[in-house]
């Protein structure tokens, strides 16, 4: 694989309507298990909420004329897709299976604001010999 000038992704930014911070906390921390981190003071005054682990940073920012991302979406790597899918379903979220994707099991779910998320679990593909392994994996 050729190295280019981009070395990685610092964070994923998703939009939400004003006043949605507690709803975001219940979903991203409560269901997905991504801890909230304090926003730096200059950004905190704009509202929104940030979530972070050693593997991912998700920032939810306030968008005044909010419209959810229905097609564009982040693909988040997960350790146990089955149990996460069950937890989301039990919490009332509709989970849909993705089309076959070699090397992964994956589902789609909308966050409480309607933003589409893809959740993927790596499963070594017999044909690839592991060549389809994600660049970064959850610890």
N, C-alpha and C. Protein backbone atom coordinates (compact mmCIF):
# COMPACT_ATOMS: atom_id res chain seq x y z
N UNK A 1 0.85 -1.18 0.00
CA UNK A 1 0.00 0.00 0.00
C UNK A 1 0.89 1.24 0.00
N UNK A 2 0.58 2.18 -0.86
CA UNK A 2 1.37 3.40 -0.99
C UNK A 2 1.00 4.40 0.10
N UNK A 3 2.01 5.01 0.70
CA UNK A 3 1.78 6.05 1.71
C UNK A 3 1.61 7.39 1.01
N UNK A 4 0.61 8.14 1.40
CA UNK A 4 0.38 9.47 0.86
C UNK A 4 0.55 10.50 1.96
N UNK A 5 0.19 11.74 1.69
CA UNK A 5 0.37 12.81 2.67
C UNK A 5 -0.60 12.73 3.85
N UNK A 6 -1.71 12.02 3.71
CA UNK A 6 -2.68 11.88 4.81
C UNK A 6 -2.26 10.70 5.66
N UNK A 7 -2.16 10.90 6.97
CA UNK A 7 -1.66 9.82 7.84
C UNK A 7 -2.75 9.15 8.68
N UNK A 8 -3.96 9.67 8.68
CA UNK A 8 -5.02 9.05 9.47
C UNK A 8 -6.21 9.98 9.60
N UNK A 9 -7.15 9.57 10.43
CA UNK A 9 -8.33 10.38 10.71
C UNK A 9 -8.26 10.81 12.17
N UNK A 10 -8.35 12.11 12.41
CA UNK A 10 -8.32 12.64 13.77
C UNK A 10 -9.65 12.42 14.48
N UNK A 11 -10.75 12.75 13.79
CA UNK A 11 -12.08 12.57 14.38
C UNK A 11 -13.14 12.50 13.28
N UNK A 12 -14.30 12.05 13.68
CA UNK A 12 -15.48 12.04 12.82
C UNK A 12 -16.42 13.09 13.38
N UNK A 13 -16.92 13.96 12.51
CA UNK A 13 -17.87 15.00 12.92
C UNK A 13 -19.25 14.64 12.39
N UNK A 14 -20.22 14.57 13.27
CA UNK A 14 -21.62 14.37 12.89
C UNK A 14 -22.42 15.55 13.42
N UNK A 15 -23.51 15.85 12.74
CA UNK A 15 -24.36 16.97 13.15
C UNK A 15 -25.55 16.46 13.96
N UNK A 16 -26.08 17.36 14.78
CA UNK A 16 -27.29 17.07 15.54
C UNK A 16 -28.03 18.39 15.76
N UNK A 17 -29.31 18.32 16.11
CA UNK A 17 -30.05 19.56 16.39
C UNK A 17 -29.67 20.14 17.75
N UNK A 18 -29.93 21.41 17.91
CA UNK A 18 -29.68 22.07 19.20
C UNK A 18 -30.45 21.37 20.31
N UNK A 19 -29.81 21.24 21.46
CA UNK A 19 -30.44 20.63 22.62
C UNK A 19 -30.39 19.11 22.66
N UNK A 20 -29.66 18.49 21.74
CA UNK A 20 -29.62 17.04 21.66
C UNK A 20 -28.51 16.36 22.45
N UNK A 21 -27.80 17.12 23.27
CA UNK A 21 -26.65 16.55 23.97
C UNK A 21 -26.99 15.34 24.85
N UNK A 22 -28.03 15.42 25.64
CA UNK A 22 -28.38 14.29 26.52
C UNK A 22 -28.79 13.06 25.71
N UNK A 23 -29.51 13.29 24.63
CA UNK A 23 -29.89 12.18 23.75
C UNK A 23 -28.64 11.54 23.15
N UNK A 24 -27.69 12.36 22.73
CA UNK A 24 -26.43 11.85 22.18
C UNK A 24 -25.67 11.05 23.22
N UNK A 25 -25.64 11.53 24.44
CA UNK A 25 -24.95 10.80 25.52
C UNK A 25 -25.56 9.42 25.74
N UNK A 26 -26.88 9.35 25.76
CA UNK A 26 -27.54 8.06 25.97
C UNK A 26 -27.20 7.06 24.86
N UNK A 27 -27.09 7.55 23.64
CA UNK A 27 -26.80 6.66 22.52
C UNK A 27 -25.31 6.33 22.42
N UNK A 28 -24.48 7.36 22.30
CA UNK A 28 -23.05 7.12 22.02
C UNK A 28 -22.30 6.57 23.23
N UNK A 29 -22.60 7.06 24.42
CA UNK A 29 -21.97 6.50 25.63
C UNK A 29 -22.75 5.31 26.15
N UNK A 30 -24.06 5.49 26.33
CA UNK A 30 -24.87 4.45 26.94
C UNK A 30 -24.97 3.18 26.13
N UNK A 31 -25.22 3.30 24.82
CA UNK A 31 -25.40 2.10 23.99
C UNK A 31 -24.13 1.67 23.27
N UNK A 32 -23.42 2.62 22.67
CA UNK A 32 -22.21 2.26 21.93
C UNK A 32 -20.99 2.12 22.84
N UNK A 33 -21.07 2.66 24.05
CA UNK A 33 -19.97 2.50 25.01
C UNK A 33 -18.76 3.38 24.77
N UNK A 34 -18.96 4.52 24.09
CA UNK A 34 -17.86 5.45 23.84
C UNK A 34 -17.95 6.56 24.89
N UNK A 35 -16.96 6.68 25.76
CA UNK A 35 -17.04 7.67 26.84
C UNK A 35 -17.05 9.11 26.31
N UNK A 36 -17.79 9.95 27.01
CA UNK A 36 -17.77 11.38 26.71
C UNK A 36 -16.47 11.98 27.23
N UNK A 37 -15.94 12.94 26.48
CA UNK A 37 -14.77 13.70 26.93
C UNK A 37 -15.15 15.18 26.91
N UNK A 38 -14.55 15.97 27.81
CA UNK A 38 -14.87 17.39 27.83
C UNK A 38 -14.42 18.08 26.55
N UNK A 39 -15.24 19.00 26.07
CA UNK A 39 -14.85 19.81 24.93
C UNK A 39 -13.96 20.94 25.42
N UNK A 40 -12.95 21.32 24.65
CA UNK A 40 -12.17 22.50 25.02
C UNK A 40 -13.08 23.73 25.11
N UNK A 41 -12.73 24.65 26.00
CA UNK A 41 -13.59 25.80 26.28
C UNK A 41 -14.05 26.56 25.04
N UNK A 42 -13.15 26.90 24.11
CA UNK A 42 -13.66 27.65 22.95
C UNK A 42 -14.76 26.91 22.18
N UNK A 43 -14.65 25.59 22.06
CA UNK A 43 -15.65 24.81 21.35
C UNK A 43 -16.88 24.52 22.22
N UNK A 44 -16.71 24.42 23.53
CA UNK A 44 -17.80 24.07 24.43
C UNK A 44 -18.94 25.07 24.38
N UNK A 45 -18.62 26.34 24.17
CA UNK A 45 -19.68 27.36 24.16
C UNK A 45 -20.61 27.24 22.96
N UNK A 46 -20.22 26.44 21.96
CA UNK A 46 -21.07 26.25 20.78
C UNK A 46 -22.05 25.11 20.96
N UNK A 47 -21.98 24.39 22.08
CA UNK A 47 -22.84 23.23 22.29
C UNK A 47 -22.26 22.00 21.63
N UNK A 48 -23.01 20.94 21.64
CA UNK A 48 -22.51 19.68 21.09
C UNK A 48 -21.83 18.85 22.16
N UNK A 49 -21.33 17.70 21.76
CA UNK A 49 -20.71 16.78 22.71
C UNK A 49 -19.69 15.92 21.97
N UNK A 50 -18.60 15.57 22.67
CA UNK A 50 -17.54 14.75 22.09
C UNK A 50 -17.43 13.43 22.83
N UNK A 51 -17.11 12.36 22.08
CA UNK A 51 -16.93 11.02 22.63
C UNK A 51 -15.59 10.49 22.11
N UNK A 52 -14.90 9.72 22.97
CA UNK A 52 -13.56 9.30 22.57
C UNK A 52 -13.12 8.03 23.29
N UNK A 53 -12.43 7.15 22.54
CA UNK A 53 -11.69 6.02 23.09
C UNK A 53 -10.28 6.12 22.52
N UNK A 54 -9.44 5.14 22.81
CA UNK A 54 -8.11 5.14 22.22
C UNK A 54 -8.16 4.88 20.71
N UNK A 55 -9.29 4.38 20.20
CA UNK A 55 -9.40 4.03 18.79
C UNK A 55 -10.23 5.00 17.95
N UNK A 56 -11.09 5.81 18.58
CA UNK A 56 -12.03 6.62 17.80
C UNK A 56 -12.38 7.91 18.54
N UNK A 57 -12.60 8.96 17.77
CA UNK A 57 -13.13 10.22 18.30
C UNK A 57 -14.35 10.59 17.46
N UNK A 58 -15.47 10.80 18.12
CA UNK A 58 -16.69 11.23 17.44
C UNK A 58 -17.13 12.54 18.06
N UNK A 59 -17.26 13.56 17.24
CA UNK A 59 -17.72 14.87 17.68
C UNK A 59 -19.12 15.09 17.12
N UNK A 60 -20.05 15.43 17.98
CA UNK A 60 -21.39 15.82 17.52
C UNK A 60 -21.54 17.31 17.73
N UNK A 61 -21.77 18.01 16.64
CA UNK A 61 -21.89 19.46 16.69
C UNK A 61 -23.30 19.90 16.34
N UNK A 62 -23.65 21.06 16.86
CA UNK A 62 -24.98 21.64 16.62
C UNK A 62 -25.02 22.23 15.21
N UNK A 63 -26.05 21.88 14.49
CA UNK A 63 -26.29 22.46 13.17
C UNK A 63 -27.68 23.08 13.19
N UNK A 64 -27.75 24.39 13.00
CA UNK A 64 -29.02 25.10 13.14
C UNK A 64 -30.08 24.59 12.17
N UNK A 65 -29.72 24.39 10.92
CA UNK A 65 -30.65 23.88 9.91
C UNK A 65 -30.38 22.39 9.74
N UNK A 66 -30.51 21.64 10.85
CA UNK A 66 -30.08 20.24 10.87
C UNK A 66 -30.88 19.36 9.92
N UNK A 67 -30.14 18.55 9.18
CA UNK A 67 -30.70 17.46 8.37
C UNK A 67 -29.77 16.27 8.57
N UNK A 68 -30.30 15.10 8.92
CA UNK A 68 -29.44 13.95 9.17
C UNK A 68 -28.75 13.45 7.90
N UNK A 69 -27.59 12.84 8.10
CA UNK A 69 -26.86 12.21 7.00
C UNK A 69 -27.47 10.83 6.77
N UNK A 70 -28.21 10.68 5.70
CA UNK A 70 -28.92 9.42 5.42
C UNK A 70 -28.08 8.44 4.61
N UNK A 71 -27.17 8.94 3.79
CA UNK A 71 -26.33 8.08 2.95
C UNK A 71 -24.88 8.11 3.43
N UNK A 72 -24.31 9.30 3.52
CA UNK A 72 -22.94 9.43 4.01
C UNK A 72 -22.90 8.93 5.44
N UNK A 73 -21.86 8.18 5.79
CA UNK A 73 -21.82 7.59 7.13
C UNK A 73 -20.41 7.16 7.49
N UNK A 74 -20.10 7.16 8.79
CA UNK A 74 -18.84 6.55 9.22
C UNK A 74 -19.03 5.04 9.35
N UNK A 75 -17.97 4.30 9.11
CA UNK A 75 -17.95 2.86 9.36
C UNK A 75 -17.13 2.61 10.61
N UNK A 76 -17.77 2.19 11.68
CA UNK A 76 -17.10 2.02 12.97
C UNK A 76 -16.80 0.55 13.21
N UNK A 77 -15.54 0.23 13.51
CA UNK A 77 -15.16 -1.14 13.82
C UNK A 77 -15.58 -1.49 15.24
N UNK A 78 -16.16 -2.67 15.41
CA UNK A 78 -16.62 -3.11 16.73
C UNK A 78 -16.05 -4.49 17.03
N UNK A 79 -16.03 -4.83 18.32
CA UNK A 79 -15.49 -6.13 18.75
C UNK A 79 -16.52 -7.24 18.70
N UNK A 80 -17.77 -6.94 19.08
CA UNK A 80 -18.81 -7.97 19.19
C UNK A 80 -20.09 -7.43 18.56
N UNK A 81 -20.21 -7.63 17.27
CA UNK A 81 -21.34 -7.07 16.52
C UNK A 81 -22.67 -7.65 16.98
N UNK A 82 -22.69 -8.93 17.28
CA UNK A 82 -23.95 -9.58 17.67
C UNK A 82 -24.52 -8.96 18.94
N UNK A 83 -23.70 -8.81 19.98
CA UNK A 83 -24.23 -8.27 21.23
C UNK A 83 -24.58 -6.79 21.10
N UNK A 84 -23.80 -6.04 20.31
CA UNK A 84 -24.12 -4.63 20.11
C UNK A 84 -25.42 -4.49 19.33
N UNK A 85 -25.61 -5.32 18.32
CA UNK A 85 -26.84 -5.30 17.55
C UNK A 85 -28.05 -5.61 18.44
N UNK A 86 -27.89 -6.58 19.31
CA UNK A 86 -28.97 -6.94 20.24
C UNK A 86 -29.28 -5.78 21.19
N UNK A 87 -28.24 -5.14 21.72
CA UNK A 87 -28.44 -4.02 22.64
C UNK A 87 -29.18 -2.87 21.94
N UNK A 88 -28.81 -2.58 20.69
CA UNK A 88 -29.46 -1.51 19.94
C UNK A 88 -30.93 -1.85 19.67
N UNK A 89 -31.18 -3.09 19.28
CA UNK A 89 -32.55 -3.53 19.00
C UNK A 89 -33.41 -3.46 20.25
N UNK A 90 -32.87 -3.92 21.37
CA UNK A 90 -33.62 -3.89 22.63
C UNK A 90 -33.90 -2.46 23.08
N UNK A 91 -33.07 -1.52 22.66
CA UNK A 91 -33.28 -0.11 23.00
C UNK A 91 -34.24 0.58 22.03
N UNK A 92 -34.74 -0.17 21.04
CA UNK A 92 -35.72 0.38 20.12
C UNK A 92 -35.18 0.89 18.80
N UNK A 93 -33.92 0.65 18.52
CA UNK A 93 -33.32 1.11 17.26
C UNK A 93 -33.47 0.03 16.19
N UNK A 94 -33.80 0.44 14.98
CA UNK A 94 -33.91 -0.50 13.87
C UNK A 94 -32.51 -0.78 13.32
N UNK A 95 -32.16 -2.04 13.29
CA UNK A 95 -30.86 -2.48 12.78
C UNK A 95 -31.10 -3.21 11.47
N UNK A 96 -30.34 -2.86 10.44
CA UNK A 96 -30.46 -3.57 9.16
C UNK A 96 -29.12 -4.18 8.80
N UNK A 97 -29.18 -5.37 8.22
CA UNK A 97 -27.96 -6.05 7.79
C UNK A 97 -27.44 -5.42 6.51
N UNK A 98 -26.11 -5.35 6.42
CA UNK A 98 -25.49 -4.87 5.20
C UNK A 98 -25.39 -5.98 4.18
N UNK A 99 -25.22 -5.60 2.92
CA UNK A 99 -24.96 -6.59 1.88
C UNK A 99 -23.64 -7.28 2.19
N UNK A 100 -23.44 -8.50 1.70
CA UNK A 100 -22.18 -9.20 2.00
C UNK A 100 -20.96 -8.34 1.67
N UNK A 101 -20.02 -8.34 2.59
CA UNK A 101 -18.78 -7.58 2.45
C UNK A 101 -17.65 -8.49 2.91
N UNK A 102 -16.83 -8.93 1.98
CA UNK A 102 -15.80 -9.92 2.31
C UNK A 102 -14.92 -9.45 3.46
N UNK A 103 -14.78 -10.32 4.45
CA UNK A 103 -13.93 -10.04 5.60
C UNK A 103 -14.64 -9.37 6.77
N UNK A 104 -15.94 -9.06 6.60
CA UNK A 104 -16.65 -8.34 7.66
C UNK A 104 -18.08 -8.83 7.80
N UNK A 105 -18.58 -8.79 9.03
CA UNK A 105 -20.01 -8.81 9.30
C UNK A 105 -20.34 -7.34 9.58
N UNK A 106 -21.47 -6.86 9.08
CA UNK A 106 -21.78 -5.45 9.33
C UNK A 106 -23.28 -5.19 9.30
N UNK A 107 -23.63 -4.13 10.02
CA UNK A 107 -25.02 -3.68 10.12
C UNK A 107 -25.06 -2.16 9.98
N UNK A 108 -26.26 -1.66 9.76
CA UNK A 108 -26.50 -0.22 9.74
C UNK A 108 -27.53 0.12 10.81
N UNK A 109 -27.35 1.28 11.41
CA UNK A 109 -28.31 1.79 12.38
C UNK A 109 -28.28 3.31 12.28
N UNK A 110 -29.40 3.95 12.53
CA UNK A 110 -29.43 5.41 12.60
C UNK A 110 -29.30 5.83 14.05
N UNK A 111 -28.50 6.86 14.29
CA UNK A 111 -28.43 7.40 15.65
C UNK A 111 -29.76 8.09 15.96
N UNK A 112 -29.96 8.61 17.16
CA UNK A 112 -31.27 9.18 17.52
C UNK A 112 -31.67 10.39 16.66
N UNK A 113 -30.70 10.95 15.94
CA UNK A 113 -30.98 12.12 15.11
C UNK A 113 -31.19 11.75 13.64
N UNK A 114 -31.04 10.45 13.33
CA UNK A 114 -31.23 9.99 11.96
C UNK A 114 -29.95 9.86 11.16
N UNK A 115 -28.80 10.13 11.77
CA UNK A 115 -27.53 9.95 11.07
C UNK A 115 -27.23 8.46 10.92
N UNK A 116 -26.88 8.06 9.72
CA UNK A 116 -26.60 6.65 9.44
C UNK A 116 -25.21 6.27 9.95
N UNK A 117 -25.13 5.12 10.62
CA UNK A 117 -23.86 4.57 11.08
C UNK A 117 -23.74 3.14 10.56
N UNK A 118 -22.54 2.76 10.17
CA UNK A 118 -22.25 1.37 9.82
C UNK A 118 -21.35 0.80 10.90
N UNK A 119 -21.71 -0.35 11.42
CA UNK A 119 -20.93 -1.02 12.46
C UNK A 119 -20.40 -2.32 11.86
N UNK A 120 -19.06 -2.48 11.89
CA UNK A 120 -18.42 -3.61 11.23
C UNK A 120 -17.56 -4.41 12.20
N UNK A 121 -17.61 -5.72 12.07
CA UNK A 121 -16.72 -6.60 12.82
C UNK A 121 -15.90 -7.39 11.82
N UNK A 122 -14.58 -7.32 11.97
CA UNK A 122 -13.68 -8.05 11.07
C UNK A 122 -13.77 -9.54 11.33
N UNK A 123 -13.89 -10.30 10.27
CA UNK A 123 -13.80 -11.76 10.32
C UNK A 123 -12.89 -12.15 9.16
N UNK A 124 -11.80 -12.80 9.47
CA UNK A 124 -10.81 -13.12 8.44
C UNK A 124 -11.47 -13.84 7.27
N UNK A 125 -11.22 -13.31 6.09
CA UNK A 125 -11.77 -13.89 4.89
C UNK A 125 -10.91 -15.07 4.44
N UNK A 126 -11.52 -16.22 4.16
CA UNK A 126 -10.73 -17.38 3.76
C UNK A 126 -9.96 -17.15 2.46
N UNK A 127 -10.49 -16.33 1.57
CA UNK A 127 -9.83 -16.10 0.28
C UNK A 127 -8.71 -15.09 0.36
N UNK A 128 -8.78 -14.16 1.29
CA UNK A 128 -7.80 -13.07 1.32
C UNK A 128 -6.57 -13.40 2.15
N UNK A 129 -6.67 -14.40 3.03
CA UNK A 129 -5.55 -14.71 3.90
C UNK A 129 -5.25 -13.59 4.88
N UNK A 130 -6.22 -12.73 5.14
CA UNK A 130 -6.03 -11.63 6.08
C UNK A 130 -5.64 -10.32 5.42
N UNK A 131 -5.53 -10.31 4.08
CA UNK A 131 -5.16 -9.08 3.38
C UNK A 131 -6.22 -8.00 3.50
N UNK A 132 -7.43 -8.38 3.90
CA UNK A 132 -8.52 -7.42 4.05
C UNK A 132 -8.63 -6.89 5.47
N UNK A 133 -7.65 -7.19 6.29
CA UNK A 133 -7.65 -6.76 7.69
C UNK A 133 -7.71 -5.23 7.76
N UNK A 134 -8.49 -4.68 8.68
CA UNK A 134 -8.59 -3.22 8.78
C UNK A 134 -7.25 -2.58 9.11
N UNK A 135 -7.06 -1.36 8.64
CA UNK A 135 -5.83 -0.63 8.92
C UNK A 135 -5.65 -0.41 10.40
N UNK A 136 -6.72 -0.05 11.07
CA UNK A 136 -6.72 0.14 12.53
C UNK A 136 -7.80 -0.74 13.09
N UNK A 137 -7.52 -1.39 14.19
CA UNK A 137 -8.50 -2.28 14.81
C UNK A 137 -8.77 -1.84 16.23
N UNK A 138 -9.99 -2.05 16.72
CA UNK A 138 -10.24 -1.78 18.13
C UNK A 138 -9.37 -2.69 18.98
N UNK A 139 -8.92 -2.16 20.09
CA UNK A 139 -8.07 -2.96 20.98
C UNK A 139 -8.87 -3.96 21.75
